[in-house]
Amino acid sequence: MTLFCKLPAVALLLLAACAPASDQAETSASTAEAAAPGGGQAAVDDTVSQPNVVRVALGSKDHTTLVAALQAADLVNSLANAGPFTVFAPTNAAFDKLPAGTVETLLKPENKLKLKTVLHHHVTTSALDVADLADGQSLSMVDGVSEAITKKDGATYIGGAKVIASVRASNGWVHVIDGVLVPPAK
């Protein structure tokens, strides 16, 4: 390739290098926004890898209430990160067992802190298979309060809620439960 053919490319590079820093920053910011629409780990478009705990919940028609709560509490990105996490995921039917209006009240913006506390009470920062949970074990949850594990007739329970299914995720485990774990009043 002759020098004459390389001149337009060199001129373009020189012009880009001489552009004001603010123009370069805007270009970088635009590129970053395009690469991560919505921002955060949860926005990564990955349909090939094993799903993380958030994607497991998103893929379940039985967890739409939990997903709405995670979104309202701004916890989606936190749980999409590397973890490890064990999430005890109440089904929609579990949320329906709560007193009328409880979910609607918790989802209000002014109750975001209460909602986060309830959701943090369903997560521990370890990747624990059901086989790792022992009868009589006390499991410390993210909110700092412990829940008791019991085993009865071949089933596993946490705080009285029965584990009805388990799904391995890329960043831990999702254990589907038939009740909502309500943290004690402080």
Protein backbone atom coordinates (compact mmCIF):
# COMPACT_ATOMS: atom_id res chain seq x y z
CA MET A 1 0.00 0.00 0.00
CA THR A 2 1.44 3.38 -0.94
CA LEU A 3 1.80 6.36 1.35
CA PHE A 4 -0.82 8.17 -0.76
CA CYS A 5 -3.44 5.52 0.17
CA LYS A 6 -2.59 5.78 3.86
CA LEU A 7 -2.92 9.59 4.03
CA PRO A 8 -6.74 9.72 4.46
CA ALA A 9 -6.57 7.28 7.38
CA VAL A 10 -3.74 9.21 9.03
CA ALA A 11 -5.63 12.50 8.58
CA LEU A 12 -8.73 10.99 10.15
CA LEU A 13 -6.73 9.77 13.16
CA LEU A 14 -5.13 13.21 13.58
CA LEU A 15 -8.50 14.94 13.45
CA ALA A 16 -9.91 12.57 16.06
CA ALA A 17 -6.91 13.07 18.32
CA CYS A 18 -7.26 16.86 18.08
CA ALA A 19 -10.98 16.87 18.89
CA PRO A 20 -11.87 18.59 22.17
CA ALA A 21 -11.96 16.26 25.19
CA SER A 22 -15.67 17.02 25.68
CA ASP A 23 -16.46 15.64 22.20
CA GLN A 24 -14.43 12.50 22.96
CA ALA A 25 -16.20 12.06 26.32
CA GLU A 26 -19.61 12.41 24.65
CA THR A 27 -18.66 9.79 22.07
CA SER A 28 -17.43 7.42 24.80
CA ALA A 29 -20.58 7.96 26.87
CA SER A 30 -22.81 7.35 23.83
CA THR A 31 -20.95 4.15 23.04
CA ALA A 32 -21.24 2.95 26.65
CA GLU A 33 -24.98 3.69 26.72
CA ALA A 34 -25.50 1.82 23.47
CA ALA A 35 -23.51 -1.15 24.78
CA ALA A 36 -25.48 -1.37 28.05
CA PRO A 37 -29.06 -0.18 27.54
CA GLY A 38 -30.70 0.30 30.92
CA GLY A 39 -27.35 -0.09 32.64
CA GLY A 40 -26.09 -2.55 35.18
CA GLN A 41 -25.37 -6.25 35.13
CA ALA A 42 -29.03 -7.13 34.62
CA ALA A 43 -28.99 -5.34 31.25
CA VAL A 44 -26.40 -7.70 29.78
CA ASP A 45 -28.06 -9.56 26.93
CA ASP A 46 -26.91 -13.15 27.34
CA THR A 47 -29.19 -15.91 26.16
CA VAL A 48 -26.39 -18.48 25.84
CA SER A 49 -24.94 -18.78 29.36
CA GLN A 50 -26.65 -20.34 32.34
CA PRO A 51 -29.10 -17.72 33.69
CA ASN A 52 -28.35 -15.86 36.92
CA VAL A 53 -30.87 -15.82 39.78
CA VAL A 54 -32.67 -12.79 38.33
CA ARG A 55 -33.05 -14.38 34.90
CA VAL A 56 -34.36 -17.57 36.54
CA ALA A 57 -37.10 -15.49 38.20
CA LEU A 58 -37.76 -13.51 35.01
CA GLY A 59 -38.26 -16.77 33.13
CA SER A 60 -40.89 -18.05 35.56
CA LYS A 61 -44.58 -17.25 35.16
CA ASP A 62 -44.96 -18.16 38.85
CA HIS A 63 -42.64 -15.36 40.03
CA THR A 64 -44.07 -12.19 38.45
CA THR A 65 -44.85 -10.69 41.87
CA LEU A 66 -41.29 -11.36 43.06
CA VAL A 67 -39.87 -9.79 39.89
CA ALA A 68 -42.09 -6.71 40.34
CA ALA A 69 -40.89 -6.43 43.94
CA LEU A 70 -37.22 -6.75 42.93
CA GLN A 71 -37.72 -4.00 40.37
CA ALA A 72 -39.55 -1.72 42.82
CA ALA A 73 -36.78 -2.19 45.40
CA ASP A 74 -33.99 -1.60 42.83
CA LEU A 75 -32.44 -5.00 43.61
CA VAL A 76 -32.34 -6.47 40.10
CA ASN A 77 -28.74 -5.43 39.37
CA SER A 78 -27.55 -6.50 42.82
CA LEU A 79 -28.85 -10.04 42.33
CA ALA A 80 -27.61 -10.21 38.73
CA ASN A 81 -24.01 -9.78 39.93
CA ALA A 82 -21.55 -12.62 40.50
CA GLY A 83 -22.82 -13.54 43.95
CA PRO A 84 -22.87 -16.22 45.18
CA PHE A 85 -26.50 -16.04 46.27
CA THR A 86 -29.14 -18.41 47.47
CA VAL A 87 -32.55 -16.88 46.88
CA PHE A 88 -35.64 -18.32 48.52
CA ALA A 89 -38.18 -17.26 45.90
CA PRO A 90 -41.85 -17.10 46.94
CA THR A 91 -44.31 -17.94 44.21
CA ASN A 92 -47.17 -15.63 43.23
CA ALA A 93 -49.46 -17.94 45.23
CA ALA A 94 -47.22 -17.45 48.29
CA PHE A 95 -47.60 -13.67 48.01
CA ASP A 96 -51.36 -14.15 47.62
CA LYS A 97 -51.44 -15.75 51.11
CA LEU A 98 -50.39 -12.44 52.69
CA PRO A 99 -53.12 -10.20 54.14
CA ALA A 100 -55.02 -8.26 51.47
CA GLY A 101 -53.21 -5.11 50.34
CA THR A 102 -49.80 -6.10 51.77
CA VAL A 103 -48.04 -6.48 48.42
CA GLU A 104 -49.61 -3.36 46.97
CA THR A 105 -48.55 -1.36 50.04
CA LEU A 106 -44.97 -2.67 49.92
CA LEU A 107 -44.67 -1.82 46.21
CA LYS A 108 -45.38 1.88 46.85
CA PRO A 109 -42.28 4.10 46.44
CA GLU A 110 -42.57 5.41 50.00
CA ASN A 111 -42.21 1.81 51.32
CA LYS A 112 -39.09 0.95 49.32
CA LEU A 113 -36.96 0.45 52.45
CA LYS A 114 -39.51 -1.95 53.99
CA LEU A 115 -39.72 -3.85 50.71
CA LYS A 116 -35.91 -4.15 50.53
CA THR A 117 -35.87 -5.52 54.08
CA VAL A 118 -38.45 -8.18 53.19
CA LEU A 119 -36.59 -9.14 50.02
CA HIS A 120 -33.19 -9.19 51.78
CA HIS A 121 -34.78 -11.66 54.21
CA HIS A 122 -35.08 -14.10 51.28
CA VAL A 123 -31.39 -14.04 50.28
CA THR A 124 -28.18 -15.41 51.72
CA THR A 125 -24.72 -14.77 50.33
CA SER A 126 -23.73 -18.37 49.69
CA ALA A 127 -24.60 -20.82 46.95
CA LEU A 128 -26.42 -23.52 48.89
CA ASP A 129 -28.03 -26.56 47.31
CA VAL A 130 -30.93 -28.07 49.27
CA ALA A 131 -28.60 -30.95 50.16
CA ASP A 132 -26.36 -28.38 51.92
CA LEU A 133 -29.18 -27.34 54.24
CA ALA A 134 -29.35 -29.31 57.49
CA ASP A 135 -32.20 -29.83 59.92
CA GLY A 136 -31.86 -27.34 62.78
CA GLN A 137 -29.47 -25.11 60.84
CA SER A 138 -29.76 -21.37 61.35
CA LEU A 139 -29.23 -19.54 58.08
CA SER A 140 -28.20 -15.87 58.22
CA MET A 141 -30.03 -13.78 55.66
CA VAL A 142 -28.83 -10.55 54.00
CA ASP A 143 -30.98 -8.45 56.34
CA GLY A 144 -28.95 -9.77 59.29
CA VAL A 145 -31.75 -11.94 60.70
CA SER A 146 -31.53 -15.73 60.71
CA GLU A 147 -34.10 -18.26 59.56
CA ALA A 148 -34.34 -21.86 60.77
CA ILE A 149 -34.04 -24.79 58.40
CA THR A 150 -36.12 -27.86 59.15
CA LYS A 151 -36.32 -31.19 57.36
CA LYS A 152 -39.51 -33.21 57.67
CA ASP A 153 -40.76 -36.21 55.69
CA GLY A 154 -38.08 -35.69 53.05
CA ALA A 155 -38.98 -32.02 52.52
CA THR A 156 -36.94 -28.93 53.37
CA TYR A 157 -38.47 -25.89 55.04
CA ILE A 158 -37.11 -22.43 55.80
CA GLY A 159 -38.98 -20.39 58.37
CA GLY A 160 -42.04 -22.58 57.82
CA ALA A 161 -42.07 -22.18 54.03
CA LYS A 162 -41.58 -25.38 52.07
CA VAL A 163 -38.94 -25.59 49.33
CA ILE A 164 -40.96 -26.93 46.39
CA ALA A 165 -38.32 -26.71 43.64
CA SER A 166 -34.69 -25.70 43.15
CA VAL A 167 -32.92 -24.24 40.14
CA ARG A 168 -29.15 -23.85 39.79
CA ALA A 169 -28.17 -20.42 38.48
CA SER A 170 -24.85 -19.08 37.24
CA ASN A 171 -24.44 -17.08 40.46
CA GLY A 172 -26.05 -19.41 43.00
CA TRP A 173 -29.34 -21.18 43.66
CA VAL A 174 -33.01 -20.29 43.48
CA HIS A 175 -35.17 -22.31 45.86
CA VAL A 176 -38.86 -21.87 45.09
CA ILE A 177 -40.87 -21.63 48.32
CA ASP A 178 -44.58 -21.76 49.06
CA GLY A 179 -44.58 -18.91 51.61
CA VAL A 180 -43.18 -15.45 52.14
CA LEU A 181 -40.50 -15.15 54.82
CA VAL A 182 -41.57 -12.23 56.97
CA PRO A 183 -38.74 -10.72 58.98
CA PRO A 184 -39.52 -10.06 62.63
CA ALA A 185 -40.56 -6.51 63.49
CA LYS A 186 -37.68 -4.39 64.78
